[in-house]
C-alpha atoms as a PDB file:
ATOM      1  CA  MET A   1      -0.295 -21.640  41.506  1.00  0.00           C
ATOM      2  CA  PHE A   2      -0.281 -23.139  37.993  1.00  0.00           C
ATOM      3  CA  GLN A   3      -4.010 -22.545  37.678  1.00  0.00           C
ATOM      4  CA  ILE A   4      -3.637 -18.879  38.700  1.00  0.00           C
ATOM      5  CA  ALA A   5      -0.821 -18.384  36.173  1.00  0.00           C
ATOM      6  CA  ALA A   6      -2.891 -19.999  33.435  1.00  0.00           C
ATOM      7  CA  ILE A   7      -5.844 -17.741  34.217  1.00  0.00           C
ATOM      8  CA  ALA A   8      -3.584 -14.689  34.179  1.00  0.00           C
ATOM      9  CA  LEU A   9      -2.149 -15.707  30.807  1.00  0.00           C
ATOM     10  CA  LEU A  10      -5.642 -16.238  29.439  1.00  0.00           C
ATOM     11  CA  ALA A  11      -6.670 -12.781  30.634  1.00  0.00           C
ATOM     12  CA  LEU A  12      -3.786 -11.214  28.719  1.00  0.00           C
ATOM     13  CA  THR A  13      -4.581 -13.082  25.528  1.00  0.00           C
ATOM     14  CA  SER A  14      -7.498 -12.211  23.285  1.00  0.00           C
ATOM     15  CA  PRO A  15      -8.519 -13.592  19.865  1.00  0.00           C
ATOM     16  CA  SER A  16      -7.110 -10.428  18.259  1.00  0.00           C
ATOM     17  CA  ASP A  17      -3.656 -11.417  19.511  1.00  0.00           C
ATOM     18  CA  ASP A  18      -3.704 -14.622  17.425  1.00  0.00           C
ATOM     19  CA  PHE A  19      -2.128 -13.832  14.060  1.00  0.00           C
ATOM     20  CA  SER A  20      -1.777 -17.462  12.935  1.00  0.00           C
ATOM     21  CA  ASP A  21      -4.327 -17.088  10.111  1.00  0.00           C
ATOM     22  CA  ARG A  22      -3.118 -13.661   8.959  1.00  0.00           C
ATOM     23  CA  LEU A  23      -2.204 -13.240   5.296  1.00  0.00           C
ATOM     24  CA  VAL A  24      -0.150 -10.439   3.794  1.00  0.00           C
ATOM     25  CA  LEU A  25      -0.241  -9.144   0.222  1.00  0.00           C
ATOM     26  CA  ILE A  26       3.239  -7.967  -0.719  1.00  0.00           C
ATOM     27  CA  CYS A  27       4.985  -6.332  -3.679  1.00  0.00           C
ATOM     28  CA  GLU A  28       8.734  -6.296  -4.276  1.00  0.00           C
ATOM     29  CA  ALA A  29      10.488  -4.866  -7.312  1.00  0.00           C
ATOM     30  CA  TYR A  30      14.109  -4.496  -6.253  1.00  0.00           C
ATOM     31  CA  GLY A  31      15.404  -7.897  -7.266  1.00  0.00           C
ATOM     32  CA  LYS A  32      12.490 -10.277  -6.608  1.00  0.00           C
ATOM     33  CA  ASN A  33      10.005  -8.600  -8.976  1.00  0.00           C
ATOM     34  CA  LEU A  34       6.815 -10.196  -7.731  1.00  0.00           C
ATOM     35  CA  VAL A  35       3.432  -9.754  -6.120  1.00  0.00           C
ATOM     36  CA  ALA A  36       2.650 -12.439  -3.555  1.00  0.00           C
ATOM     37  CA  ILE A  37       0.384 -13.541  -0.722  1.00  0.00           C
ATOM     38  CA  ARG A  38       2.207 -14.967   2.296  1.00  0.00           C
ATOM     39  CA  ASP A  39       0.913 -16.739   5.410  1.00  0.00           C
ATOM     40  CA  GLU A  40       2.288 -16.554   8.942  1.00  0.00           C
ATOM     41  CA  SER A  41       4.382 -19.705   8.558  1.00  0.00           C
ATOM     42  CA  GLY A  42       6.283 -18.043   5.714  1.00  0.00           C
ATOM     43  CA  GLU A  43       4.617 -20.078   2.967  1.00  0.00           C
ATOM     44  CA  ILE A  44       3.826 -18.300  -0.294  1.00  0.00           C
ATOM     45  CA  LEU A  45       0.228 -19.162  -1.210  1.00  0.00           C
ATOM     46  CA  TRP A  46       0.069 -17.142  -4.432  1.00  0.00           C
ATOM     47  CA  GLN A  47       2.493 -15.204  -6.561  1.00  0.00           C
ATOM     48  CA  GLN A  48       2.784 -13.364  -9.848  1.00  0.00           C
ATOM     49  CA  LYS A  49       6.129 -12.439 -11.368  1.00  0.00           C
ATOM     50  CA  THR A  50       6.263  -8.948 -12.860  1.00  0.00           C
ATOM     51  CA  ARG A  51       8.509  -6.750 -14.909  1.00  0.00           C
ATOM     52  CA  ARG A  52      11.166  -4.744 -13.103  1.00  0.00           C
ATOM     53  CA  ASP A  53      10.254  -1.511 -11.264  1.00  0.00           C
ATOM     54  CA  GLY A  54       6.960   0.044 -10.342  1.00  0.00           C
ATOM     55  CA  HIS A  55       5.707  -1.537  -7.120  1.00  0.00           C
ATOM     56  CA  HIS A  56       4.566   1.319  -4.915  1.00  0.00           C
ATOM     57  CA  ASP A  57       0.924   0.337  -4.291  1.00  0.00           C
ATOM     58  CA  VAL A  58      -1.205  -2.815  -4.103  1.00  0.00           C
ATOM     59  CA  HIS A  59      -4.765  -3.755  -3.116  1.00  0.00           C
ATOM     60  CA  LEU A  60      -6.925  -6.801  -2.529  1.00  0.00           C
ATOM     61  CA  LEU A  61     -10.317  -5.883  -3.961  1.00  0.00           C
ATOM     62  CA  GLU A  62     -13.693  -6.774  -2.459  1.00  0.00           C
ATOM     63  CA  ASN A  63     -14.174  -9.451  -5.140  1.00  0.00           C
ATOM     64  CA  GLY A  64     -10.906 -11.144  -4.177  1.00  0.00           C
ATOM     65  CA  ASN A  65      -8.966  -9.897  -7.189  1.00  0.00           C
ATOM     66  CA  VAL A  66      -5.552  -8.272  -6.832  1.00  0.00           C
ATOM     67  CA  LEU A  67      -4.952  -4.749  -8.138  1.00  0.00           C
ATOM     68  CA  PHE A  68      -1.234  -4.256  -8.642  1.00  0.00           C
ATOM     69  CA  GLN A  69       1.442  -2.506 -10.656  1.00  0.00           C
ATOM     70  CA  ASP A  70       3.553  -3.941 -13.465  1.00  0.00           C
ATOM     71  CA  GLY A  71       6.048  -1.258 -14.389  1.00  0.00           C
ATOM     72  CA  TRP A  72       5.752   2.439 -13.582  1.00  0.00           C
ATOM     73  CA  THR A  73       2.728   3.057 -15.790  1.00  0.00           C
ATOM     74  CA  ARG A  74       0.696  -0.153 -16.047  1.00  0.00           C
ATOM     75  CA  ILE A  75      -1.957  -1.218 -13.518  1.00  0.00           C
ATOM     76  CA  VAL A  76      -3.424  -4.721 -13.617  1.00  0.00           C
ATOM     77  CA  GLU A  77      -6.447  -6.358 -12.017  1.00  0.00           C
ATOM     78  CA  MET A  78      -5.999 -10.127 -11.812  1.00  0.00           C
ATOM     79  CA  THR A  79      -8.082 -12.906 -10.308  1.00  0.00           C
ATOM     80  CA  LEU A  80      -6.461 -15.392  -7.950  1.00  0.00           C
ATOM     81  CA  SER A  81      -6.745 -17.925 -10.780  1.00  0.00           C
ATOM     82  CA  LYS A  82      -4.439 -15.605 -12.802  1.00  0.00           C
ATOM     83  CA  GLU A  83      -7.003 -14.199 -15.228  1.00  0.00           C
ATOM     84  CA  VAL A  84      -6.289 -10.592 -16.184  1.00  0.00           C
ATOM     85  CA  VAL A  85      -9.667  -8.820 -16.127  1.00  0.00           C
ATOM     86  CA  TRP A  86      -8.576  -5.169 -16.405  1.00  0.00           C
ATOM     87  CA  THR A  87      -5.505  -3.152 -17.320  1.00  0.00           C
ATOM     88  CA  TYR A  88      -4.675   0.515 -17.629  1.00  0.00           C
ATOM     89  CA  ASP A  89      -1.476   1.987 -19.025  1.00  0.00           C
ATOM     90  CA  ALA A  90      -1.048   5.612 -17.951  1.00  0.00           C
ATOM     91  CA  ALA A  91       1.608   6.170 -20.610  1.00  0.00           C
ATOM     92  CA  LYS A  92      -0.895   5.594 -23.398  1.00  0.00           C
ATOM     93  CA  GLU A  93      -4.260   6.802 -22.136  1.00  0.00           C
ATOM     94  CA  ASN A  94      -6.135  10.068 -21.675  1.00  0.00           C
ATOM     95  CA  GLY A  95      -3.666  12.495 -23.197  1.00  0.00           C
ATOM     96  CA  ASN A  96      -0.392  11.042 -21.910  1.00  0.00           C
ATOM     97  CA  GLU A  97       0.965   9.648 -25.189  1.00  0.00           C
ATOM     98  CA  GLY A  98       4.555  10.849 -25.527  1.00  0.00           C
ATOM     99  CA  ARG A  99       4.696  12.365 -22.040  1.00  0.00           C
ATOM    100  CA  ARG A 100       6.828  11.101 -19.192  1.00  0.00           C
ATOM    101  CA  VAL A 101       4.545   9.704 -16.509  1.00  0.00           C
ATOM    102  CA  GLU A 102       4.900   7.443 -13.478  1.00  0.00           C
ATOM    103  CA  VAL A 103       2.202   5.997 -11.233  1.00  0.00           C
ATOM    104  CA  HIS A 104       2.915   5.617  -7.529  1.00  0.00           C
ATOM    105  CA  ALA A 105      -0.639   5.297  -6.194  1.00  0.00           C
ATOM    106  CA  PHE A 106      -3.985   3.900  -7.301  1.00  0.00           C
ATOM    107  CA  GLU A 107      -7.145   2.691  -5.630  1.00  0.00           C
ATOM    108  CA  ARG A 108     -10.495   1.134  -6.594  1.00  0.00           C
ATOM    109  CA  LEU A 109     -13.190   3.430  -5.272  1.00  0.00           C
ATOM    110  CA  SER A 110     -16.529   2.384  -3.789  1.00  0.00           C
ATOM    111  CA  ASP A 111     -18.425   3.529  -6.907  1.00  0.00           C
ATOM    112  CA  GLY A 112     -16.325   1.269  -9.154  1.00  0.00           C
ATOM    113  CA  ARG A 113     -14.076   4.003 -10.475  1.00  0.00           C
ATOM    114  CA  THR A 114     -10.325   3.611 -10.266  1.00  0.00           C
ATOM    115  CA  MET A 115      -8.243   6.472  -8.883  1.00  0.00           C
ATOM    116  CA  ILE A 116      -4.797   6.871 -10.438  1.00  0.00           C
ATOM    117  CA  ALA A 117      -2.228   9.445  -9.335  1.00  0.00           C
ATOM    118  CA  GLU A 118       0.006  10.493 -12.206  1.00  0.00           C
ATOM    119  CA  SER A 119       3.431  11.964 -11.500  1.00  0.00           C
ATOM    120  CA  GLY A 120       4.648  14.041 -14.439  1.00  0.00           C
ATOM    121  CA  PRO A 121       1.202  15.222 -15.542  1.00  0.00           C
ATOM    122  CA  ALA A 122       0.728  16.124 -11.842  1.00  0.00           C
ATOM    123  CA  ARG A 123      -2.870  15.067 -11.578  1.00  0.00           C
ATOM    124  CA  ILE A 124      -5.246  12.581 -10.008  1.00  0.00           C
ATOM    125  CA  ILE A 125      -7.646  10.959 -12.438  1.00  0.00           C
ATOM    126  CA  GLU A 126     -10.679   8.759 -11.929  1.00  0.00           C
ATOM    127  CA  VAL A 127     -11.481   6.349 -14.765  1.00  0.00           C
ATOM    128  CA  ASP A 128     -14.306   3.914 -15.401  1.00  0.00           C
ATOM    129  CA  ALA A 129     -14.111   0.226 -16.292  1.00  0.00           C
ATOM    130  CA  LYS A 130     -13.333   1.136 -19.915  1.00  0.00           C
ATOM    131  CA  GLY A 131     -10.503   3.439 -18.879  1.00  0.00           C
ATOM    132  CA  GLU A 132     -12.461   6.540 -19.864  1.00  0.00           C
ATOM    133  CA  LEU A 133     -11.651   9.697 -17.962  1.00  0.00           C
ATOM    134  CA  LEU A 134     -14.430  10.744 -15.589  1.00  0.00           C
ATOM    135  CA  HIS A 135     -12.757  13.286 -13.316  1.00  0.00           C
ATOM    136  CA  THR A 136      -9.446  15.122 -13.038  1.00  0.00           C
ATOM    137  CA  ILE A 137      -7.891  16.814 -10.002  1.00  0.00           C
ATOM    138  CA  PRO A 138      -4.858  18.995 -10.756  1.00  0.00           C
ATOM    139  CA  LEU A 139      -2.066  18.811  -8.193  1.00  0.00           C
ATOM    140  CA  THR A 140       0.129  21.546  -6.771  1.00  0.00           C
ATOM    141  CA  VAL A 141       3.799  20.640  -7.312  1.00  0.00           C
ATOM    142  CA  GLU A 142       6.625  22.975  -6.338  1.00  0.00           C
ATOM    143  CA  HIS A 143       9.491  20.800  -7.605  1.00  0.00           C
ATOM    144  CA  PRO A 144       8.189  18.959 -10.691  1.00  0.00           C
ATOM    145  CA  ASP A 145       9.688  15.506 -11.220  1.00  0.00           C
ATOM    146  CA  ALA A 146       7.927  12.595 -12.885  1.00  0.00           C
ATOM    147  CA  HIS A 147       9.502  10.231 -10.376  1.00  0.00           C
ATOM    148  CA  ARG A 148       8.922  12.291  -7.230  1.00  0.00           C
ATOM    149  CA  ASP A 149       5.755  14.368  -7.712  1.00  0.00           C
ATOM    150  CA  THR A 150       3.714  11.887  -5.677  1.00  0.00           C
ATOM    151  CA  ARG A 151       3.890   8.764  -3.593  1.00  0.00           C
ATOM    152  CA  LEU A 152       0.835   7.283  -1.872  1.00  0.00           C
ATOM    153  CA  VAL A 153      -2.575   8.895  -2.303  1.00  0.00           C
ATOM    154  CA  ARG A 154      -5.574   7.950  -0.182  1.00  0.00           C
ATOM    155  CA  ARG A 155      -9.168   9.152  -0.087  1.00  0.00           C
ATOM    156  CA  THR A 156     -10.626  10.711   3.070  1.00  0.00           C
ATOM    157  CA  LYS A 157     -14.107  10.256   4.523  1.00  0.00           C
ATOM    158  CA  THR A 158     -15.202  13.503   2.855  1.00  0.00           C
ATOM    159  CA  GLY A 159     -14.088  12.378  -0.600  1.00  0.00           C
ATOM    160  CA  HIS A 160     -10.950  14.516  -0.581  1.00  0.00           C
ATOM    161  CA  TYR A 161      -7.521  13.074  -1.354  1.00  0.00           C
ATOM    162  CA  LEU A 162      -4.467  13.021   0.912  1.00  0.00           C
ATOM    163  CA  VAL A 163      -1.467  13.242  -1.421  1.00  0.00           C
ATOM    164  CA  CYS A 164       2.139  12.623  -0.440  1.00  0.00           C
ATOM    165  CA  HIS A 165       4.436  14.842  -2.505  1.00  0.00           C
ATOM    166  CA  GLU A 166       7.825  13.194  -2.156  1.00  0.00           C
ATOM    167  CA  GLY A 167       9.787  15.883  -3.963  1.00  0.00           C
ATOM    168  CA  ASP A 168       8.127  18.739  -2.070  1.00  0.00           C
ATOM    169  CA  GLY A 169       8.309  16.993   1.319  1.00  0.00           C
ATOM    170  CA  LYS A 170       4.655  17.840   1.973  1.00  0.00           C
ATOM    171  CA  VAL A 171       1.319  16.132   2.484  1.00  0.00           C
ATOM    172  CA  ARG A 172      -1.535  18.045   0.879  1.00  0.00           C
ATOM    173  CA  GLU A 173      -5.266  17.407   1.100  1.00  0.00           C
ATOM    174  CA  TYR A 174      -7.164  18.279  -2.074  1.00  0.00           C
ATOM    175  CA  ASP A 175     -10.866  18.778  -2.606  1.00  0.00           C
ATOM    176  CA  ARG A 176     -12.632  17.634  -5.776  1.00  0.00           C
ATOM    177  CA  ASP A 177     -11.658  20.827  -7.596  1.00  0.00           C
ATOM    178  CA  GLY A 178      -7.953  20.549  -6.808  1.00  0.00           C
ATOM    179  CA  GLN A 179      -7.935  23.166  -4.070  1.00  0.00           C
ATOM    180  CA  VAL A 180      -5.462  22.513  -1.247  1.00  0.00           C
ATOM    181  CA  VAL A 181      -7.577  22.495   1.934  1.00  0.00           C
ATOM    182  CA  TRP A 182      -4.889  21.193   4.318  1.00  0.00           C
ATOM    183  CA  GLN A 183      -1.130  20.868   4.201  1.00  0.00           C
ATOM    184  CA  TYR A 184       1.642  19.555   6.411  1.00  0.00           C
ATOM    185  CA  ASP A 185       5.280  20.298   5.640  1.00  0.00           C
ATOM    186  CA  ILE A 186       7.271  17.337   6.922  1.00  0.00           C
ATOM    187  CA  GLY A 187      10.493  18.404   5.240  1.00  0.00           C
ATOM    188  CA  THR A 188      11.570  14.936   4.092  1.00  0.00           C
ATOM    189  CA  PRO A 189      10.805  12.770   1.017  1.00  0.00           C
ATOM    190  CA  VAL A 190       7.379  11.707   2.362  1.00  0.00           C
ATOM    191  CA  TYR A 191       5.771   8.421   1.288  1.00  0.00           C
ATOM    192  CA  GLY A 192       2.428   7.633   2.972  1.00  0.00           C
ATOM    193  CA  ALA A 193      -0.467   9.341   4.741  1.00  0.00           C
ATOM    194  CA  ILE A 194      -3.894   8.169   5.896  1.00  0.00           C
ATOM    195  CA  GLU A 195      -6.794   9.716   7.751  1.00  0.00           C
ATOM    196  CA  LEU A 196      -7.340   8.075  11.146  1.00  0.00           C
ATOM    197  CA  LYS A 197     -10.743   7.416  12.693  1.00  0.00           C
ATOM    198  CA  SER A 198     -10.043  10.320  15.065  1.00  0.00           C
ATOM    199  CA  GLY A 199      -9.699  12.715  12.141  1.00  0.00           C
ATOM    200  CA  ASN A 200      -5.944  13.056  12.681  1.00  0.00           C
ATOM    201  CA  ARG A 201      -3.530  12.172   9.881  1.00  0.00           C
ATOM    202  CA  LEU A 202      -0.894   9.475  10.182  1.00  0.00           C
ATOM    203  CA  ILE A 203       2.164  10.208   8.050  1.00  0.00           C
ATOM    204  CA  ALA A 204       5.018   7.898   7.023  1.00  0.00           C
ATOM    205  CA  SER A 205       7.857  10.302   6.363  1.00  0.00           C
ATOM    206  CA  GLY A 206       9.662   7.995   3.947  1.00  0.00           C
ATOM    207  CA  GLY A 207      13.248   9.217   4.014  1.00  0.00           C
ATOM    208  CA  GLY A 208      12.669  10.864   7.384  1.00  0.00           C
ATOM    209  CA  SER A 209      12.647   7.427   9.087  1.00  0.00           C
ATOM    210  CA  SER A 210       9.639   8.350  11.189  1.00  0.00           C
ATOM    211  CA  ILE A 211       5.889   8.075  11.718  1.00  0.00           C
ATOM    212  CA  LEU A 212       3.909  11.137  12.796  1.00  0.00           C
ATOM    213  CA  GLU A 213       0.311  11.503  13.927  1.00  0.00           C
ATOM    214  CA  VAL A 214      -0.740  15.067  13.184  1.00  0.00           C
ATOM    215  CA  SER A 215      -3.931  16.844  14.241  1.00  0.00           C
ATOM    216  CA  PRO A 216      -5.957  18.888  11.717  1.00  0.00           C
ATOM    217  CA  GLU A 217      -4.367  21.949  13.331  1.00  0.00           C
ATOM    218  CA  GLY A 218      -0.893  20.627  12.451  1.00  0.00           C
ATOM    219  CA  LYS A 219       0.137  19.562  15.952  1.00  0.00           C
ATOM    220  CA  VAL A 220       2.203  16.369  16.325  1.00  0.00           C
ATOM    221  CA  VAL A 221       0.380  14.221  18.911  1.00  0.00           C
ATOM    222  CA  TRP A 222       2.255  10.901  18.476  1.00  0.00           C
ATOM    223  CA  LYS A 223       5.615  10.059  16.971  1.00  0.00           C
ATOM    224  CA  LEU A 224       8.098   7.296  16.214  1.00  0.00           C
ATOM    225  CA  GLU A 225      11.482   8.430  14.983  1.00  0.00           C
ATOM    226  CA  GLY A 226      14.680   6.554  14.197  1.00  0.00           C
ATOM    227  CA  GLU A 227      13.772   3.362  16.057  1.00  0.00           C
ATOM    228  CA  VAL A 228      10.991   1.659  17.959  1.00  0.00           C
ATOM    229  CA  PRO A 229      11.763   1.915  21.698  1.00  0.00           C
ATOM    230  CA  GLY A 230      12.654  -1.438  23.247  1.00  0.00           C
ATOM    231  CA  ALA A 231      11.923  -3.434  20.090  1.00  0.00           C
ATOM    232  CA  ARG A 232      15.286  -3.269  18.293  1.00  0.00           C
ATOM    233  CA  ILE A 233      13.592  -2.066  15.116  1.00  0.00           C
ATOM    234  CA  ALA A 234      15.389   0.630  13.162  1.00  0.00           C
ATOM    235  CA  LEU A 235      13.070   2.760  11.061  1.00  0.00           C
ATOM    236  CA  LYS A 236      14.323   3.472   7.571  1.00  0.00           C
ATOM    237  CA  TRP A 237      12.084   4.261   4.590  1.00  0.00           C
ATOM    238  CA  THR A 238       8.625   4.217   6.193  1.00  0.00           C
ATOM    239  CA  THR A 239       5.928   3.528   3.609  1.00  0.00           C
ATOM    240  CA  THR A 240       2.438   1.993   3.718  1.00  0.00           C
ATOM    241  CA  LEU A 241       0.167   2.563   6.709  1.00  0.00           C
ATOM    242  CA  ARG A 242      -3.017   1.035   8.107  1.00  0.00           C
ATOM    243  CA  GLU A 243      -5.099   1.651  11.212  1.00  0.00           C
ATOM    244  CA  ARG A 244      -6.738  -1.493  12.567  1.00  0.00           C
ATOM    245  CA  ASP A 245     -10.157  -1.477  14.204  1.00  0.00           C
ATOM    246  CA  ASN A 246      -8.480  -1.941  17.602  1.00  0.00           C
ATOM    247  CA  GLY A 247      -6.394   1.202  17.072  1.00  0.00           C
ATOM    248  CA  ASN A 248      -3.125  -0.587  16.342  1.00  0.00           C
ATOM    249  CA  LEU A 249      -1.015   0.713  13.475  1.00  0.00           C
ATOM    250  CA  ILE A 250       0.587  -1.378  10.736  1.00  0.00           C
ATOM    251  CA  ILE A 251       3.716   0.212   9.291  1.00  0.00           C
ATOM    252  CA  GLY A 252       5.840  -0.597   6.252  1.00  0.00           C
ATOM    253  CA  ASN A 253       9.602  -0.337   6.840  1.00  0.00           C
ATOM    254  CA  CYS A 254      11.410  -0.457   3.501  1.00  0.00           C
ATOM    255  CA  HIS A 255      15.196  -0.498   2.894  1.00  0.00           C
ATOM    256  CA  ALA A 256      15.829  -1.317   6.576  1.00  0.00           C
ATOM    257  CA  GLY A 257      18.191  -4.249   6.003  1.00  0.00           C
ATOM    258  CA  GLU A 258      18.086  -7.871   7.092  1.00  0.00           C
ATOM    259  CA  ASP A 259      18.178  -7.055  10.806  1.00  0.00           C
ATOM    260  CA  ASN A 260      14.772  -5.345  10.715  1.00  0.00           C
ATOM    261  CA  PRO A 261      11.237  -6.433   9.834  1.00  0.00           C
ATOM    262  CA  GLN A 262       9.744  -5.266   6.564  1.00  0.00           C
ATOM    263  CA  ILE A 263       6.361  -4.668   8.232  1.00  0.00           C
ATOM    264  CA  PHE A 264       5.272  -4.464  11.844  1.00  0.00           C
ATOM    265  CA  GLU A 265       2.189  -3.765  13.949  1.00  0.00           C
ATOM    266  CA  ILE A 266       2.428  -1.474  16.948  1.00  0.00           C
ATOM    267  CA  THR A 267       0.039  -0.239  19.648  1.00  0.00           C
ATOM    268  CA  LYS A 268      -0.369   3.442  20.468  1.00  0.00           C
ATOM    269  CA  ASP A 269       1.645   2.618  23.619  1.00  0.00           C
ATOM    270  CA  LYS A 270       4.490   1.701  21.224  1.00  0.00           C
ATOM    271  CA  GLU A 271       4.413  -2.035  21.918  1.00  0.00           C
ATOM    272  CA  VAL A 272       5.200  -4.157  18.853  1.00  0.00           C
ATOM    273  CA  VAL A 273       2.686  -7.022  18.711  1.00  0.00           C
ATOM    274  CA  TRP A 274       3.483  -8.477  15.265  1.00  0.00           C
ATOM    275  CA  ARG A 275       6.208  -8.308  12.664  1.00  0.00           C
ATOM    276  CA  MET A 276       6.986  -9.776   9.242  1.00  0.00           C
ATOM    277  CA  HIS A 277      10.659 -10.482   8.668  1.00  0.00           C
ATOM    278  CA  ASP A 278      11.118 -12.505   5.472  1.00  0.00           C
ATOM    279  CA  PHE A 279      14.261 -11.862   3.457  1.00  0.00           C
ATOM    280  CA  GLU A 280      14.098 -15.300   1.872  1.00  0.00           C
ATOM    281  CA  HIS A 281      11.117 -14.418  -0.285  1.00  0.00           C
ATOM    282  CA  PHE A 282      11.261 -10.613  -0.212  1.00  0.00           C
ATOM    283  CA  GLY A 283      14.345  -8.474  -0.176  1.00  0.00           C
ATOM    284  CA  ASN A 284      15.168  -4.985   1.003  1.00  0.00           C
ATOM    285  CA  GLY A 285      12.716  -3.199  -1.288  1.00  0.00           C
ATOM    286  CA  VAL A 286       9.275  -4.045   0.098  1.00  0.00           C
ATOM    287  CA  ALA A 287       7.514  -0.709  -0.328  1.00  0.00           C
ATOM    288  CA  ALA A 288       3.884  -1.744  -0.915  1.00  0.00           C
ATOM    289  CA  THR A 289       2.018  -4.140   1.337  1.00  0.00           C
ATOM    290  CA  GLU A 290      -1.498  -4.802   2.545  1.00  0.00           C
ATOM    291  CA  VAL A 291      -1.939  -6.811   5.734  1.00  0.00           C
ATOM    292  CA  LEU A 292      -5.269  -8.525   5.183  1.00  0.00           C
ATOM    293  CA  THR A 293      -8.098  -8.486   7.682  1.00  0.00           C
ATOM    294  CA  ASP A 294      -9.409 -11.761   9.097  1.00  0.00           C
ATOM    295  CA  ALA A 295     -12.346 -11.656   6.678  1.00  0.00           C
ATOM    296  CA  GLN A 296     -10.089 -10.973   3.705  1.00  0.00           C
ATOM    297  CA  SER A 297      -7.742 -13.786   4.717  1.00  0.00           C
ATOM    298  CA  ARG A 298     -10.651 -16.251   4.935  1.00  0.00           C
ATOM    299  CA  MET A 299     -11.922 -15.176   1.512  1.00  0.00           C
ATOM    300  CA  VAL A 300      -8.498 -15.618  -0.091  1.00  0.00           C
ATOM    301  CA  ARG A 301      -8.003 -19.076   1.429  1.00  0.00           C
ATOM    302  CA  GLU A 302     -11.429 -20.143   0.200  1.00  0.00           C
ATOM    303  CA  LYS A 303     -10.815 -18.906  -3.341  1.00  0.00           C
ATOM    304  CA  LEU A 304      -7.355 -20.487  -3.519  1.00  0.00           C
ATOM    305  CA  LYS A 305      -8.799 -23.939  -2.779  1.00  0.00           C
ATOM    306  CA  ASP A 306      -9.906 -24.162  -6.403  1.00  0.00           C
ATOM    307  CA  VAL A 307      -6.665 -22.855  -7.925  1.00  0.00           C
ATOM    308  CA  PRO A 308      -4.071 -25.527  -8.834  1.00  0.00           C
ATOM    309  CA  GLU A 309      -0.636 -25.032  -7.307  1.00  0.00           C
ATOM    310  CA  ALA A 310       0.918 -24.943 -10.776  1.00  0.00           C
ATOM    311  CA  VAL A 311      -1.204 -21.865 -11.521  1.00  0.00           C
ATOM    312  CA  ARG A 312      -1.022 -19.957  -8.259  1.00  0.00           C
ATOM    313  CA  LEU A 313       2.741 -20.461  -7.845  1.00  0.00           C
ATOM    314  CA  ASN A 314       4.025 -20.330 -11.417  1.00  0.00           C
ATOM    315  CA  ASN A 315       7.065 -18.196 -12.277  1.00  0.00           C
ATOM    316  CA  ASP A 316       5.765 -16.841 -15.575  1.00  0.00           C
ATOM    317  CA  VAL A 317       6.409 -13.116 -15.995  1.00  0.00           C
ATOM    318  CA  LEU A 318       3.216 -11.238 -16.774  1.00  0.00           C
ATOM    319  CA  GLU A 319       2.950 -10.464 -20.475  1.00  0.00           C
ATOM    320  CA  LEU A 320      -0.017  -8.560 -21.903  1.00  0.00           C
ATOM    321  CA  GLY A 321      -0.888  -8.401 -25.566  1.00  0.00           C
ATOM    322  CA  GLU A 322      -1.957  -5.267 -27.436  1.00  0.00           C
ATOM    323  CA  SER A 323      -5.601  -6.384 -27.176  1.00  0.00           C
ATOM    324  CA  GLN A 324      -5.444  -6.224 -23.393  1.00  0.00           C
ATOM    325  CA  SER A 325      -5.667  -2.466 -23.065  1.00  0.00           C
ATOM    326  CA  ALA A 326      -7.579  -0.192 -20.720  1.00  0.00           C
ATOM    327  CA  GLY A 327     -10.934  -1.570 -19.695  1.00  0.00           C
ATOM    328  CA  SER A 328     -10.480  -5.038 -21.148  1.00  0.00           C
ATOM    329  CA  GLY A 329     -12.642  -7.658 -19.496  1.00  0.00           C
ATOM    330  CA  ARG A 330     -14.030  -5.886 -16.445  1.00  0.00           C
END
């Protein structure tokens, strides 16, 4: 009987169910003010203290560097050994001097450009390693607000951009010329949207406390709203999204309080298979996260072997001199 039970348990367990080596890259700017990498035991392997505010996006780059936000306008690329290799300040570059601007989304593109979404100027820009402007996409904004024009922006397979307009409560897809080629009116302060492998769009409604999968025709084909059935997870400000290769979805759940995880992974059958619940290190304002793949986690662990603990875990707030402006060092 024991042997049969063991075999049955083995059949239900696959290597993908083992999250013990998973690492998570996390930003928090509502009290903790840091960017950090955390393992499954709850240990912080790397951290960088930042200035207050401005933590709505974060990325681990292919070279192992971290691309993060330090304030509403400044973007920083830093190595795991804490060397700043690139910065860009949207308040000072490419025509924004004296204008109110906030950045809520950015991404390093496959051609080496960096995409930056600018609320206020209402545009997406692509800049090179020197910070020089290479391309501009004007955005359609019905209710202009430098804090709410945009939230997350992600590129599609066709090179278009899915833009979450928090103030308008709409997700719009733009082509390279700034033409709106698709739109979904969610009616709430929307935060995140990604294109799924199926071609559908997954939308985190932000203040709508829901996740919607929407077909290109605008039909809702999958939905979580209010709470996750049977999991005792209340959805609050839904934020970052990721589709895993196995089809599971990773969802950010900001401002949900200490009784709820800040991030969780769920199957399309709505079974929660993983959650991160860490209010010791990260508070109630975890908006931007990136759950690393197995390959990314291995790379980070390997690179951190050569970084002294005093460097990777120091509490020094990031300070950049005037010489460290756009394009420095990369």
